[in-house]
Amino acid sequence: MRILSTLGVAVLLRRLMPVLEREGVQASVGFDPTARILQRIGEGERADIAILTDAGIEELTAQGILAAGTRRDLVHSFVGLAVRKGEAHPRIGTVEDLRETLLAAPSIAWSRAGASGIFFSSLVERLGLSEALAPKATIIPSGFTAELAARGEVAIAIQQVSELLAVEGIEVVGKLPEGANTCAVFSAALFTDAAPGAADLLARIEGALTPEALREAGLEPPSD
């Protein structure tokens, strides 16, 4: 079986899939930002399970690509900030703290296609920082922004906390403050022509999302 999944739950699934494989479950996972997965599906690609933003799941269900009634809201995810391991942690406790940190940072990375990158671009505009940050911003098409921080190419990386934690050599300072953050809901659903065992696999994935597993992956339960 095959899963197409947002990068937002990459850490979680990379830890979970080997456990399921030892239990006899054979499945592969392809990771990409939700926007890119939607594009791939629009071009005709198919799998058995999709794990995307809730909006992405709803869009594909409305198109008849995903099976109605199979949606499961798996996790909540928030945008965070990371620095290279060992570097000082800047202040981000309030919106004003964050604004000052962004202005003082010599370089910043965020993504263009991911949910966090789209949100952060709008936040930069809302805070009136577009002109100030433009000369020092590295906006990657997709992938993990924390890789740039780990290599010392940027001082600050912005992305979903769960995506930041997917990279070694960084430290997550924390979630962006209330008033400068957004909650992404990552959901799953079956493709209309999913393999017979896909529903069971999705149920097993959902059942493995314990509070401890979510916390270690930088995610939170949907009920929070």
N, C-alpha and C. Protein backbone atom coordinates (compact mmCIF):
# COMPACT_ATOMS: atom_id res chain seq x y z
N MET A 1 0.84 -1.20 0.00
CA MET A 1 0.00 0.00 0.00
C MET A 1 0.88 1.25 0.00
N ARG A 2 0.27 2.35 -0.39
CA ARG A 2 1.04 3.58 -0.56
C ARG A 2 0.32 4.74 0.11
N ILE A 3 1.10 5.58 0.79
CA ILE A 3 0.58 6.76 1.47
C ILE A 3 1.23 8.00 0.87
N LEU A 4 0.44 9.00 0.56
CA LEU A 4 0.96 10.32 0.20
C LEU A 4 0.73 11.22 1.40
N SER A 5 1.81 11.78 1.94
CA SER A 5 1.69 12.50 3.21
C SER A 5 2.38 13.85 3.19
N THR A 6 1.75 14.81 3.86
CA THR A 6 2.37 16.10 4.12
C THR A 6 3.65 15.93 4.93
N LEU A 7 4.58 16.85 4.74
CA LEU A 7 5.81 16.84 5.53
C LEU A 7 5.54 17.08 7.01
N GLY A 8 4.37 17.65 7.32
CA GLY A 8 4.06 18.01 8.70
C GLY A 8 4.02 16.84 9.65
N VAL A 9 3.79 15.63 9.15
CA VAL A 9 3.78 14.44 10.02
C VAL A 9 4.90 13.47 9.65
N ALA A 10 5.94 13.98 8.99
CA ALA A 10 7.03 13.12 8.56
C ALA A 10 7.73 12.43 9.73
N VAL A 11 8.04 13.19 10.78
CA VAL A 11 8.72 12.59 11.94
C VAL A 11 7.87 11.47 12.53
N LEU A 12 6.60 11.73 12.68
CA LEU A 12 5.68 10.76 13.26
C LEU A 12 5.63 9.48 12.44
N LEU A 13 5.44 9.60 11.14
CA LEU A 13 5.32 8.41 10.30
C LEU A 13 6.65 7.67 10.14
N ARG A 14 7.74 8.41 10.12
CA ARG A 14 9.04 7.74 10.00
C ARG A 14 9.36 6.91 11.23
N ARG A 15 8.82 7.29 12.37
CA ARG A 15 8.99 6.48 13.58
C ARG A 15 7.99 5.34 13.62
N LEU A 16 6.80 5.58 13.08
CA LEU A 16 5.73 4.60 13.18
C LEU A 16 5.84 3.48 12.15
N MET A 17 6.22 3.80 10.92
CA MET A 17 6.17 2.79 9.85
C MET A 17 7.06 1.58 10.12
N PRO A 18 8.28 1.73 10.65
CA PRO A 18 9.08 0.54 10.96
C PRO A 18 8.40 -0.38 11.97
N VAL A 19 7.67 0.20 12.92
CA VAL A 19 6.94 -0.60 13.90
C VAL A 19 5.87 -1.42 13.20
N LEU A 20 5.13 -0.78 12.30
CA LEU A 20 4.09 -1.48 11.56
C LEU A 20 4.67 -2.55 10.63
N GLU A 21 5.83 -2.24 10.05
CA GLU A 21 6.48 -3.22 9.17
C GLU A 21 6.87 -4.48 9.94
N ARG A 22 7.32 -4.30 11.18
CA ARG A 22 7.67 -5.48 11.99
C ARG A 22 6.43 -6.30 12.33
N GLU A 23 5.27 -5.66 12.25
CA GLU A 23 4.01 -6.36 12.51
C GLU A 23 3.42 -6.92 11.23
N GLY A 24 4.16 -6.80 10.13
CA GLY A 24 3.71 -7.39 8.87
C GLY A 24 3.03 -6.45 7.91
N VAL A 25 2.96 -5.16 8.24
CA VAL A 25 2.33 -4.18 7.36
C VAL A 25 3.36 -3.70 6.33
N GLN A 26 3.01 -3.80 5.06
CA GLN A 26 3.89 -3.35 3.99
C GLN A 26 3.29 -2.10 3.35
N ALA A 27 3.94 -0.97 3.56
CA ALA A 27 3.44 0.29 3.01
C ALA A 27 4.60 1.25 2.79
N SER A 28 4.51 2.03 1.74
CA SER A 28 5.51 3.06 1.46
C SER A 28 4.87 4.42 1.64
N VAL A 29 5.70 5.40 1.99
CA VAL A 29 5.19 6.75 2.23
C VAL A 29 5.98 7.74 1.38
N GLY A 30 5.27 8.59 0.64
CA GLY A 30 5.89 9.66 -0.11
C GLY A 30 5.54 10.99 0.54
N PHE A 31 6.56 11.79 0.87
CA PHE A 31 6.36 13.05 1.58
C PHE A 31 6.53 14.25 0.64
N ASP A 32 5.68 15.24 0.84
CA ASP A 32 5.75 16.50 0.10
C ASP A 32 4.84 17.49 0.82
N PRO A 33 5.01 18.80 0.56
CA PRO A 33 4.04 19.75 1.09
C PRO A 33 2.65 19.45 0.52
N THR A 34 1.62 19.81 1.26
CA THR A 34 0.25 19.55 0.81
C THR A 34 0.01 20.13 -0.59
N ALA A 35 0.46 21.35 -0.84
CA ALA A 35 0.22 21.98 -2.14
C ALA A 35 0.82 21.15 -3.26
N ARG A 36 2.01 20.61 -3.03
CA ARG A 36 2.66 19.80 -4.06
C ARG A 36 1.93 18.48 -4.25
N ILE A 37 1.46 17.86 -3.17
CA ILE A 37 0.71 16.61 -3.29
C ILE A 37 -0.59 16.85 -4.05
N LEU A 38 -1.27 17.94 -3.76
CA LEU A 38 -2.49 18.26 -4.49
C LEU A 38 -2.21 18.41 -5.98
N GLN A 39 -1.08 19.01 -6.30
CA GLN A 39 -0.69 19.15 -7.70
C GLN A 39 -0.44 17.79 -8.34
N ARG A 40 0.28 16.93 -7.62
CA ARG A 40 0.57 15.59 -8.15
C ARG A 40 -0.70 14.79 -8.37
N ILE A 41 -1.62 14.88 -7.42
CA ILE A 41 -2.89 14.16 -7.56
C ILE A 41 -3.70 14.74 -8.71
N GLY A 42 -3.65 16.06 -8.85
CA GLY A 42 -4.34 16.70 -9.96
C GLY A 42 -3.80 16.26 -11.31
N GLU A 43 -2.53 15.86 -11.32
CA GLU A 43 -1.91 15.37 -12.56
C GLU A 43 -2.13 13.89 -12.78
N GLY A 44 -2.88 13.27 -11.84
CA GLY A 44 -3.25 11.87 -12.04
C GLY A 44 -2.63 10.87 -11.09
N GLU A 45 -1.75 11.29 -10.20
CA GLU A 45 -1.13 10.34 -9.28
C GLU A 45 -2.15 9.86 -8.25
N ARG A 46 -2.05 8.61 -7.88
CA ARG A 46 -2.96 8.03 -6.90
C ARG A 46 -2.19 7.17 -5.90
N ALA A 47 -2.81 6.94 -4.74
CA ALA A 47 -2.24 6.08 -3.70
C ALA A 47 -3.41 5.41 -2.98
N ASP A 48 -3.18 4.98 -1.76
CA ASP A 48 -4.25 4.36 -0.98
C ASP A 48 -4.75 5.28 0.13
N ILE A 49 -3.83 6.04 0.75
CA ILE A 49 -4.17 6.95 1.83
C ILE A 49 -3.52 8.30 1.56
N ALA A 50 -4.26 9.36 1.81
CA ALA A 50 -3.71 10.71 1.75
C ALA A 50 -3.74 11.32 3.14
N ILE A 51 -2.62 11.94 3.53
CA ILE A 51 -2.56 12.68 4.80
C ILE A 51 -2.14 14.10 4.44
N LEU A 52 -3.08 15.03 4.58
CA LEU A 52 -2.90 16.40 4.12
C LEU A 52 -3.52 17.36 5.14
N THR A 53 -3.53 18.63 4.81
CA THR A 53 -4.31 19.56 5.62
C THR A 53 -5.78 19.19 5.49
N ASP A 54 -6.57 19.58 6.48
CA ASP A 54 -7.99 19.26 6.41
C ASP A 54 -8.64 19.87 5.18
N ALA A 55 -8.18 21.07 4.78
CA ALA A 55 -8.72 21.70 3.58
C ALA A 55 -8.40 20.89 2.33
N GLY A 56 -7.18 20.35 2.28
CA GLY A 56 -6.79 19.52 1.14
C GLY A 56 -7.62 18.26 1.04
N ILE A 57 -7.87 17.64 2.19
CA ILE A 57 -8.70 16.43 2.23
C ILE A 57 -10.12 16.75 1.75
N GLU A 58 -10.67 17.86 2.22
CA GLU A 58 -12.02 18.25 1.82
C GLU A 58 -12.09 18.52 0.32
N GLU A 59 -11.07 19.16 -0.20
CA GLU A 59 -11.04 19.48 -1.64
C GLU A 59 -11.06 18.21 -2.48
N LEU A 60 -10.23 17.24 -2.12
CA LEU A 60 -10.16 16.01 -2.89
C LEU A 60 -11.40 15.14 -2.71
N THR A 61 -12.00 15.22 -1.53
CA THR A 61 -13.24 14.48 -1.30
C THR A 61 -14.37 15.05 -2.15
N ALA A 62 -14.43 16.37 -2.23
CA ALA A 62 -15.46 17.02 -3.05
C ALA A 62 -15.30 16.67 -4.52
N GLN A 63 -14.06 16.40 -4.94
CA GLN A 63 -13.80 16.03 -6.33
C GLN A 63 -14.04 14.55 -6.59
N GLY A 64 -14.34 13.79 -5.53
CA GLY A 64 -14.57 12.37 -5.70
C GLY A 64 -13.30 11.54 -5.78
N ILE A 65 -12.16 12.15 -5.48
CA ILE A 65 -10.88 11.42 -5.53
C ILE A 65 -10.66 10.65 -4.23
N LEU A 66 -11.06 11.24 -3.11
CA LEU A 66 -11.02 10.56 -1.82
C LEU A 66 -12.43 10.13 -1.44
N ALA A 67 -12.51 9.03 -0.72
CA ALA A 67 -13.81 8.43 -0.39
C ALA A 67 -14.51 9.21 0.73
N ALA A 68 -15.72 9.63 0.47
CA ALA A 68 -16.50 10.34 1.48
C ALA A 68 -16.71 9.45 2.70
N GLY A 69 -16.65 10.09 3.87
CA GLY A 69 -16.87 9.35 5.11
C GLY A 69 -15.64 8.68 5.68
N THR A 70 -14.49 8.81 5.01
CA THR A 70 -13.28 8.15 5.51
C THR A 70 -12.31 9.13 6.17
N ARG A 71 -12.63 10.41 6.20
CA ARG A 71 -11.73 11.40 6.78
C ARG A 71 -11.54 11.17 8.28
N ARG A 72 -10.29 11.28 8.71
CA ARG A 72 -9.94 11.22 10.12
C ARG A 72 -9.00 12.39 10.43
N ASP A 73 -9.39 13.25 11.37
CA ASP A 73 -8.51 14.33 11.81
C ASP A 73 -7.48 13.73 12.76
N LEU A 74 -6.21 13.79 12.38
CA LEU A 74 -5.16 13.09 13.13
C LEU A 74 -4.46 13.96 14.18
N VAL A 75 -4.03 15.17 13.76
CA VAL A 75 -3.20 15.98 14.66
C VAL A 75 -3.43 17.46 14.42
N HIS A 76 -3.05 18.26 15.42
CA HIS A 76 -2.93 19.70 15.28
C HIS A 76 -1.44 20.04 15.24
N SER A 77 -1.10 21.02 14.43
CA SER A 77 0.29 21.41 14.27
C SER A 77 0.42 22.93 14.28
N PHE A 78 1.48 23.43 14.92
CA PHE A 78 1.70 24.87 15.02
C PHE A 78 3.05 25.24 14.43
N VAL A 79 3.17 26.48 14.03
CA VAL A 79 4.41 26.99 13.44
C VAL A 79 5.39 27.34 14.55
N GLY A 80 6.66 27.02 14.33
CA GLY A 80 7.68 27.30 15.33
C GLY A 80 8.92 27.92 14.73
N LEU A 81 9.89 28.17 15.59
CA LEU A 81 11.15 28.80 15.19
C LEU A 81 12.29 27.98 15.74
N ALA A 82 13.32 27.77 14.93
CA ALA A 82 14.49 26.98 15.34
C ALA A 82 15.78 27.72 15.01
N VAL A 83 16.82 27.38 15.77
CA VAL A 83 18.16 27.90 15.53
C VAL A 83 19.13 26.73 15.48
N ARG A 84 20.32 26.98 15.02
CA ARG A 84 21.35 25.96 15.00
C ARG A 84 21.67 25.51 16.43
N LYS A 85 21.94 24.24 16.61
CA LYS A 85 22.22 23.71 17.93
C LYS A 85 23.38 24.47 18.58
N GLY A 86 23.14 24.88 19.82
CA GLY A 86 24.16 25.61 20.57
C GLY A 86 24.06 27.11 20.47
N GLU A 87 23.25 27.61 19.54
CA GLU A 87 23.09 29.06 19.38
C GLU A 87 22.13 29.60 20.44
N ALA A 88 22.25 30.88 20.73
CA ALA A 88 21.35 31.52 21.71
C ALA A 88 19.92 31.49 21.20
N HIS A 89 18.99 31.32 22.14
CA HIS A 89 17.58 31.29 21.79
C HIS A 89 17.00 32.71 21.85
N PRO A 90 16.51 33.22 20.74
CA PRO A 90 15.93 34.57 20.75
C PRO A 90 14.57 34.58 21.46
N ARG A 91 14.12 35.77 21.80
CA ARG A 91 12.85 35.93 22.49
C ARG A 91 11.71 35.89 21.47
N ILE A 92 10.72 35.04 21.73
CA ILE A 92 9.55 34.97 20.86
C ILE A 92 8.26 34.84 21.69
N GLY A 93 8.31 35.28 22.94
CA GLY A 93 7.18 35.09 23.83
C GLY A 93 5.94 35.89 23.48
N THR A 94 6.14 37.03 22.83
CA THR A 94 5.03 37.88 22.42
C THR A 94 5.20 38.24 20.95
N VAL A 95 4.16 38.81 20.37
CA VAL A 95 4.25 39.22 18.97
C VAL A 95 5.34 40.28 18.80
N GLU A 96 5.45 41.19 19.75
CA GLU A 96 6.48 42.22 19.66
C GLU A 96 7.87 41.61 19.80
N ASP A 97 8.02 40.63 20.70
CA ASP A 97 9.30 39.92 20.82
C ASP A 97 9.68 39.29 19.49
N LEU A 98 8.72 38.62 18.88
CA LEU A 98 8.97 37.97 17.60
C LEU A 98 9.36 38.99 16.54
N ARG A 99 8.65 40.09 16.50
CA ARG A 99 8.95 41.13 15.52
C ARG A 99 10.37 41.63 15.67
N GLU A 100 10.79 41.89 16.92
CA GLU A 100 12.15 42.37 17.16
C GLU A 100 13.19 41.32 16.81
N THR A 101 12.87 40.05 17.09
CA THR A 101 13.78 38.95 16.76
C THR A 101 13.97 38.85 15.25
N LEU A 102 12.88 38.95 14.51
CA LEU A 102 12.97 38.86 13.05
C LEU A 102 13.77 40.02 12.48
N LEU A 103 13.58 41.20 13.03
CA LEU A 103 14.33 42.36 12.56
C LEU A 103 15.82 42.24 12.87
N ALA A 104 16.14 41.65 14.02
CA ALA A 104 17.54 41.55 14.44
C ALA A 104 18.27 40.39 13.78
N ALA A 105 17.56 39.39 13.33
CA ALA A 105 18.20 38.20 12.76
C ALA A 105 18.94 38.55 11.47
N PRO A 106 20.16 38.03 11.30
CA PRO A 106 20.89 38.31 10.07
C PRO A 106 20.36 37.57 8.85
N SER A 107 19.66 36.44 9.10
CA SER A 107 19.14 35.64 7.99
C SER A 107 18.02 34.74 8.49
N ILE A 108 17.04 34.50 7.62
CA ILE A 108 15.85 33.74 7.99
C ILE A 108 15.45 32.85 6.82
N ALA A 109 14.97 31.65 7.13
CA ALA A 109 14.46 30.76 6.08
C ALA A 109 13.04 30.35 6.39
N TRP A 110 12.22 30.36 5.36
CA TRP A 110 10.89 29.74 5.44
C TRP A 110 10.56 29.14 4.09
N SER A 111 9.49 28.39 4.02
CA SER A 111 9.17 27.68 2.79
C SER A 111 8.10 28.41 1.99
N ARG A 112 8.05 28.11 0.70
CA ARG A 112 7.09 28.76 -0.16
C ARG A 112 5.79 27.96 -0.27
N ALA A 113 5.90 26.62 -0.32
CA ALA A 113 4.74 25.79 -0.66
C ALA A 113 4.00 25.24 0.55
N GLY A 114 4.67 25.06 1.66
CA GLY A 114 4.04 24.44 2.81
C GLY A 114 3.04 25.35 3.50
N ALA A 115 2.18 24.74 4.32
CA ALA A 115 1.17 25.52 5.06
C ALA A 115 1.82 26.57 5.94
N SER A 116 2.95 26.20 6.58
CA SER A 116 3.62 27.16 7.47
C SER A 116 4.21 28.32 6.68
N GLY A 117 4.77 28.02 5.52
CA GLY A 117 5.38 29.07 4.71
C GLY A 117 4.36 30.05 4.18
N ILE A 118 3.22 29.52 3.73
CA ILE A 118 2.16 30.39 3.23
C ILE A 118 1.66 31.29 4.35
N PHE A 119 1.48 30.70 5.55
CA PHE A 119 1.05 31.50 6.69
C PHE A 119 2.09 32.54 7.05
N PHE A 120 3.37 32.13 7.12
CA PHE A 120 4.41 33.06 7.58
C PHE A 120 4.58 34.22 6.60
N SER A 121 4.45 33.96 5.32
CA SER A 121 4.54 35.04 4.33
C SER A 121 3.46 36.09 4.59
N SER A 122 2.25 35.62 4.91
CA SER A 122 1.17 36.56 5.21
C SER A 122 1.42 37.28 6.54
N LEU A 123 2.03 36.58 7.50
CA LEU A 123 2.34 37.20 8.78
C LEU A 123 3.37 38.31 8.61
N VAL A 124 4.38 38.06 7.79
CA VAL A 124 5.41 39.07 7.53
C VAL A 124 4.77 40.34 6.96
N GLU A 125 3.83 40.15 6.06
CA GLU A 125 3.13 41.31 5.50
C GLU A 125 2.31 42.01 6.57
N ARG A 126 1.61 41.22 7.38
CA ARG A 126 0.75 41.81 8.42
C ARG A 126 1.57 42.61 9.43
N LEU A 127 2.78 42.14 9.73
CA LEU A 127 3.64 42.84 10.69
C LEU A 127 4.39 43.99 10.05
N GLY A 128 4.21 44.17 8.76
CA GLY A 128 4.89 45.27 8.07
C GLY A 128 6.38 45.05 7.90
N LEU A 129 6.79 43.78 7.76
CA LEU A 129 8.21 43.45 7.71
C LEU A 129 8.70 43.00 6.33
N SER A 130 7.85 43.04 5.35
CA SER A 130 8.22 42.50 4.03
C SER A 130 9.49 43.16 3.49
N GLU A 131 9.56 44.46 3.54
CA GLU A 131 10.72 45.18 2.99
C GLU A 131 11.97 44.91 3.81
N ALA A 132 11.83 44.87 5.13
CA ALA A 132 12.99 44.67 6.00
C ALA A 132 13.56 43.27 5.89
N LEU A 133 12.70 42.27 5.72
CA LEU A 133 13.17 40.89 5.70
C LEU A 133 13.61 40.41 4.31
N ALA A 134 13.14 41.06 3.28
CA ALA A 134 13.43 40.60 1.91
C ALA A 134 14.91 40.36 1.63
N PRO A 135 15.82 41.28 2.04
CA PRO A 135 17.24 41.07 1.70
C PRO A 135 17.88 39.90 2.43
N LYS A 136 17.29 39.46 3.53
CA LYS A 136 17.93 38.39 4.31
C LYS A 136 17.10 37.12 4.37
N ALA A 137 16.09 37.03 3.54
CA ALA A 137 15.21 35.86 3.55
C ALA A 137 15.64 34.84 2.50
N THR A 138 15.62 33.58 2.92
CA THR A 138 15.79 32.47 1.98
C THR A 138 14.48 31.69 1.99
N ILE A 139 13.77 31.73 0.89
CA ILE A 139 12.47 31.07 0.79
C ILE A 139 12.63 29.85 -0.10
N ILE A 140 12.62 28.66 0.52
CA ILE A 140 12.86 27.44 -0.24
C ILE A 140 11.56 26.96 -0.88
N PRO A 141 11.65 26.32 -2.04
CA PRO A 141 10.43 25.85 -2.71
C PRO A 141 9.67 24.82 -1.88
N SER A 142 10.40 23.92 -1.25
CA SER A 142 9.80 22.89 -0.39
C SER A 142 10.93 22.26 0.43
N GLY A 143 10.58 21.30 1.28
CA GLY A 143 11.60 20.65 2.10
C GLY A 143 11.66 21.24 3.49
N PHE A 144 12.77 20.96 4.20
CA PHE A 144 12.90 21.34 5.60
C PHE A 144 13.79 22.58 5.75
N THR A 145 13.21 23.66 6.23
CA THR A 145 13.98 24.90 6.41
C THR A 145 15.08 24.74 7.45
N ALA A 146 14.86 23.85 8.43
CA ALA A 146 15.85 23.69 9.50
C ALA A 146 17.17 23.13 8.99
N GLU A 147 17.16 22.51 7.82
CA GLU A 147 18.43 22.02 7.26
C GLU A 147 19.38 23.18 6.99
N LEU A 148 18.83 24.32 6.60
CA LEU A 148 19.68 25.49 6.36
C LEU A 148 20.25 26.02 7.67
N ALA A 149 19.44 25.99 8.72
CA ALA A 149 19.95 26.43 10.03
C ALA A 149 21.01 25.48 10.55
N ALA A 150 20.79 24.19 10.37
CA ALA A 150 21.76 23.20 10.85
C ALA A 150 23.11 23.36 10.16
N ARG A 151 23.09 23.77 8.91
CA ARG A 151 24.34 23.98 8.16
C ARG A 151 24.94 25.36 8.40
N GLY A 152 24.25 26.19 9.16
CA GLY A 152 24.76 27.52 9.43
C GLY A 152 24.52 28.51 8.31
N GLU A 153 23.64 28.17 7.38
CA GLU A 153 23.37 29.05 6.25
C GLU A 153 22.39 30.16 6.61
N VAL A 154 21.54 29.91 7.61
CA VAL A 154 20.65 30.95 8.12
C VAL A 154 20.66 30.89 9.64
N ALA A 155 20.30 32.00 10.26
CA ALA A 155 20.29 32.06 11.72
C ALA A 155 18.99 31.52 12.30
N ILE A 156 17.90 31.66 11.55
CA ILE A 156 16.58 31.29 12.04
C ILE A 156 15.83 30.51 10.95
N ALA A 157 15.16 29.45 11.37
CA ALA A 157 14.32 28.68 10.46
C ALA A 157 12.89 28.70 10.99
N ILE A 158 11.95 28.92 10.10
CA ILE A 158 10.53 28.96 10.43
C ILE A 158 9.83 27.81 9.71
N GLN A 159 9.05 27.02 10.44
CA GLN A 159 8.26 25.94 9.83
C GLN A 159 7.38 25.33 10.91
N GLN A 160 6.56 24.36 10.52
CA GLN A 160 5.82 23.61 11.53
C GLN A 160 6.83 23.03 12.52
N VAL A 161 6.49 23.05 13.83
CA VAL A 161 7.39 22.50 14.84
C VAL A 161 7.75 21.05 14.49
N SER A 162 6.78 20.30 14.02
CA SER A 162 7.03 18.90 13.67
C SER A 162 8.03 18.77 12.54
N GLU A 163 8.03 19.71 11.61
CA GLU A 163 8.98 19.66 10.50
C GLU A 163 10.37 20.10 10.95
N LEU A 164 10.43 21.07 11.85
CA LEU A 164 11.72 21.47 12.40
C LEU A 164 12.39 20.30 13.11
N LEU A 165 11.60 19.53 13.85
CA LEU A 165 12.14 18.40 14.62
C LEU A 165 12.61 17.25 13.73
N ALA A 166 12.29 17.31 12.45
CA ALA A 166 12.74 16.26 11.53
C ALA A 166 14.22 16.39 11.20
N VAL A 167 14.84 17.49 11.61
CA VAL A 167 16.22 17.79 11.24
C VAL A 167 17.11 17.74 12.47
N GLU A 168 18.25 17.07 12.36
CA GLU A 168 19.23 17.03 13.44
C GLU A 168 20.11 18.28 13.37
N GLY A 169 20.69 18.64 14.50
CA GLY A 169 21.62 19.76 14.52
C GLY A 169 20.95 21.11 14.74
N ILE A 170 19.67 21.09 15.16
CA ILE A 170 18.97 22.34 15.46
C ILE A 170 18.32 22.24 16.83
N GLU A 171 17.86 23.37 17.33
CA GLU A 171 17.10 23.41 18.56
C GLU A 171 15.84 24.23 18.31
N VAL A 172 14.70 23.67 18.66
CA VAL A 172 13.45 24.40 18.50
C VAL A 172 13.30 25.36 19.68
N VAL A 173 13.22 26.64 19.38
CA VAL A 173 13.05 27.64 20.43
C VAL A 173 11.64 27.55 21.01
N GLY A 174 10.67 27.29 20.15
CA GLY A 174 9.30 27.14 20.60
C GLY A 174 8.32 27.50 19.50
N LYS A 175 7.04 27.43 19.85
CA LYS A 175 5.99 27.85 18.93
C LYS A 175 5.99 29.37 18.83
N LEU A 176 5.58 29.89 17.69
CA LEU A 176 5.38 31.32 17.58
C LEU A 176 4.26 31.73 18.54
N PRO A 177 4.28 32.96 19.02
CA PRO A 177 3.33 33.36 20.07
C PRO A 177 1.90 33.47 19.56
N GLU A 178 0.99 33.42 20.49
CA GLU A 178 -0.42 33.63 20.16
C GLU A 178 -0.58 35.01 19.52
N GLY A 179 -1.35 35.04 18.45
CA GLY A 179 -1.48 36.27 17.69
C GLY A 179 -0.56 36.31 16.49
N ALA A 180 0.40 35.36 16.45
CA ALA A 180 1.32 35.27 15.33
C ALA A 180 1.53 33.80 14.96
N ASN A 181 0.48 33.01 15.14
CA ASN A 181 0.58 31.58 14.85
C ASN A 181 -0.73 31.12 14.25
N THR A 182 -0.72 29.91 13.77
CA THR A 182 -1.92 29.31 13.22
C THR A 182 -1.90 27.82 13.51
N CYS A 183 -3.07 27.25 13.65
CA CYS A 183 -3.18 25.82 13.91
C CYS A 183 -3.54 25.11 12.61
N ALA A 184 -2.68 24.23 12.16
CA ALA A 184 -2.97 23.40 10.99
C ALA A 184 -3.54 22.07 11.46
N VAL A 185 -4.62 21.64 10.85
CA VAL A 185 -5.19 20.34 11.14
C VAL A 185 -4.78 19.40 10.02
N PHE A 186 -4.03 18.36 10.37
CA PHE A 186 -3.65 17.36 9.38
C PHE A 186 -4.59 16.17 9.50
N SER A 187 -5.21 15.83 8.38
CA SER A 187 -6.22 14.79 8.34
C SER A 187 -5.84 13.73 7.33
N ALA A 188 -6.51 12.60 7.41
CA ALA A 188 -6.26 11.49 6.49
C ALA A 188 -7.58 11.01 5.91
N ALA A 189 -7.50 10.41 4.72
CA ALA A 189 -8.68 9.80 4.10
C ALA A 189 -8.20 8.77 3.09
N LEU A 190 -9.10 7.89 2.71
CA LEU A 190 -8.79 6.85 1.73
C LEU A 190 -9.11 7.33 0.31
N PHE A 191 -8.29 6.91 -0.63
CA PHE A 191 -8.63 7.13 -2.03
C PHE A 191 -9.82 6.23 -2.38
N THR A 192 -10.59 6.65 -3.35
CA THR A 192 -11.79 5.89 -3.70
C THR A 192 -11.48 4.48 -4.19
N ASP A 193 -10.30 4.29 -4.76
CA ASP A 193 -9.92 2.96 -5.24
C ASP A 193 -8.81 2.36 -4.37
N ALA A 194 -8.82 2.68 -3.08
CA ALA A 194 -7.79 2.20 -2.16
C ALA A 194 -7.81 0.68 -2.06
N ALA A 195 -6.64 0.12 -1.77
CA ALA A 195 -6.51 -1.33 -1.58
C ALA A 195 -7.36 -1.79 -0.40
N PRO A 196 -7.79 -3.05 -0.38
CA PRO A 196 -8.68 -3.54 0.68
C PRO A 196 -8.17 -3.32 2.10
N GLY A 197 -6.84 -3.35 2.30
CA GLY A 197 -6.31 -3.21 3.65
C GLY A 197 -6.07 -1.78 4.08
N ALA A 198 -6.41 -0.80 3.23
CA ALA A 198 -6.08 0.59 3.53
C ALA A 198 -6.84 1.11 4.75
N ALA A 199 -8.10 0.73 4.88
CA ALA A 199 -8.89 1.20 6.02
C ALA A 199 -8.29 0.70 7.33
N ASP A 200 -7.84 -0.54 7.33
CA ASP A 200 -7.22 -1.09 8.54
C ASP A 200 -5.90 -0.38 8.84
N LEU A 201 -5.12 -0.08 7.80
CA LEU A 201 -3.86 0.62 8.00
C LEU A 201 -4.11 2.00 8.59
N LEU A 202 -5.09 2.72 8.05
CA LEU A 202 -5.39 4.04 8.58
C LEU A 202 -5.83 3.96 10.04
N ALA A 203 -6.62 2.95 10.37
CA ALA A 203 -7.06 2.77 11.76
C ALA A 203 -5.88 2.50 12.68
N ARG A 204 -4.90 1.74 12.19
CA ARG A 204 -3.72 1.43 13.01
C ARG A 204 -2.85 2.67 13.19
N ILE A 205 -2.74 3.48 12.16
CA ILE A 205 -1.99 4.73 12.28
C ILE A 205 -2.66 5.65 13.30
N GLU A 206 -3.97 5.78 13.17
CA GLU A 206 -4.71 6.64 14.10
C GLU A 206 -4.59 6.14 15.53
N GLY A 207 -4.64 4.83 15.72
CA GLY A 207 -4.54 4.26 17.05
C GLY A 207 -3.17 4.42 17.68
N ALA A 208 -2.14 4.59 16.84
CA ALA A 208 -0.77 4.73 17.35
C ALA A 208 -0.43 6.16 17.76
N LEU A 209 -1.35 7.08 17.51
CA LEU A 209 -1.07 8.49 17.81
C LEU A 209 -1.36 8.80 19.27
N THR A 210 -0.56 8.25 20.14
CA THR A 210 -0.71 8.50 21.57
C THR A 210 -0.22 9.91 21.90
N PRO A 211 -0.66 10.46 23.02
CA PRO A 211 -0.18 11.80 23.41
C PRO A 211 1.34 11.88 23.47
N GLU A 212 1.99 10.82 23.96
CA GLU A 212 3.45 10.83 24.05
C GLU A 212 4.08 10.86 22.66
N ALA A 213 3.55 10.03 21.73
CA ALA A 213 4.10 10.00 20.38
C ALA A 213 3.93 11.34 19.69
N LEU A 214 2.78 11.96 19.89
CA LEU A 214 2.55 13.27 19.29
C LEU A 214 3.48 14.32 19.88
N ARG A 215 3.63 14.32 21.18
CA ARG A 215 4.48 15.31 21.85
C ARG A 215 5.92 15.20 21.36
N GLU A 216 6.42 13.98 21.23
CA GLU A 216 7.80 13.79 20.77
C GLU A 216 7.99 14.25 19.33
N ALA A 217 6.91 14.25 18.56
CA ALA A 217 6.99 14.67 17.16
C ALA A 217 6.63 16.14 16.99
N GLY A 218 6.38 16.87 18.08
CA GLY A 218 6.04 18.27 17.99
C GLY A 218 4.63 18.54 17.53
N LEU A 219 3.74 17.59 17.78
CA LEU A 219 2.35 17.70 17.35
C LEU A 219 1.43 17.64 18.56
N GLU A 220 0.15 17.91 18.35
CA GLU A 220 -0.82 17.89 19.44
C GLU A 220 -2.08 17.17 18.99
N PRO A 221 -2.82 16.56 19.92
CA PRO A 221 -4.06 15.87 19.56
C PRO A 221 -5.09 16.85 19.00
N PRO A 222 -5.95 16.39 18.11
CA PRO A 222 -6.98 17.28 17.54
C PRO A 222 -7.91 17.88 18.57
N SER A 223 -8.08 17.22 19.71
CA SER A 223 -9.01 17.71 20.72
C SER A 223 -8.45 18.87 21.52
N ASP A 224 -7.13 19.10 21.43
CA ASP A 224 -6.53 20.16 22.22
C ASP A 224 -6.88 21.54 21.65
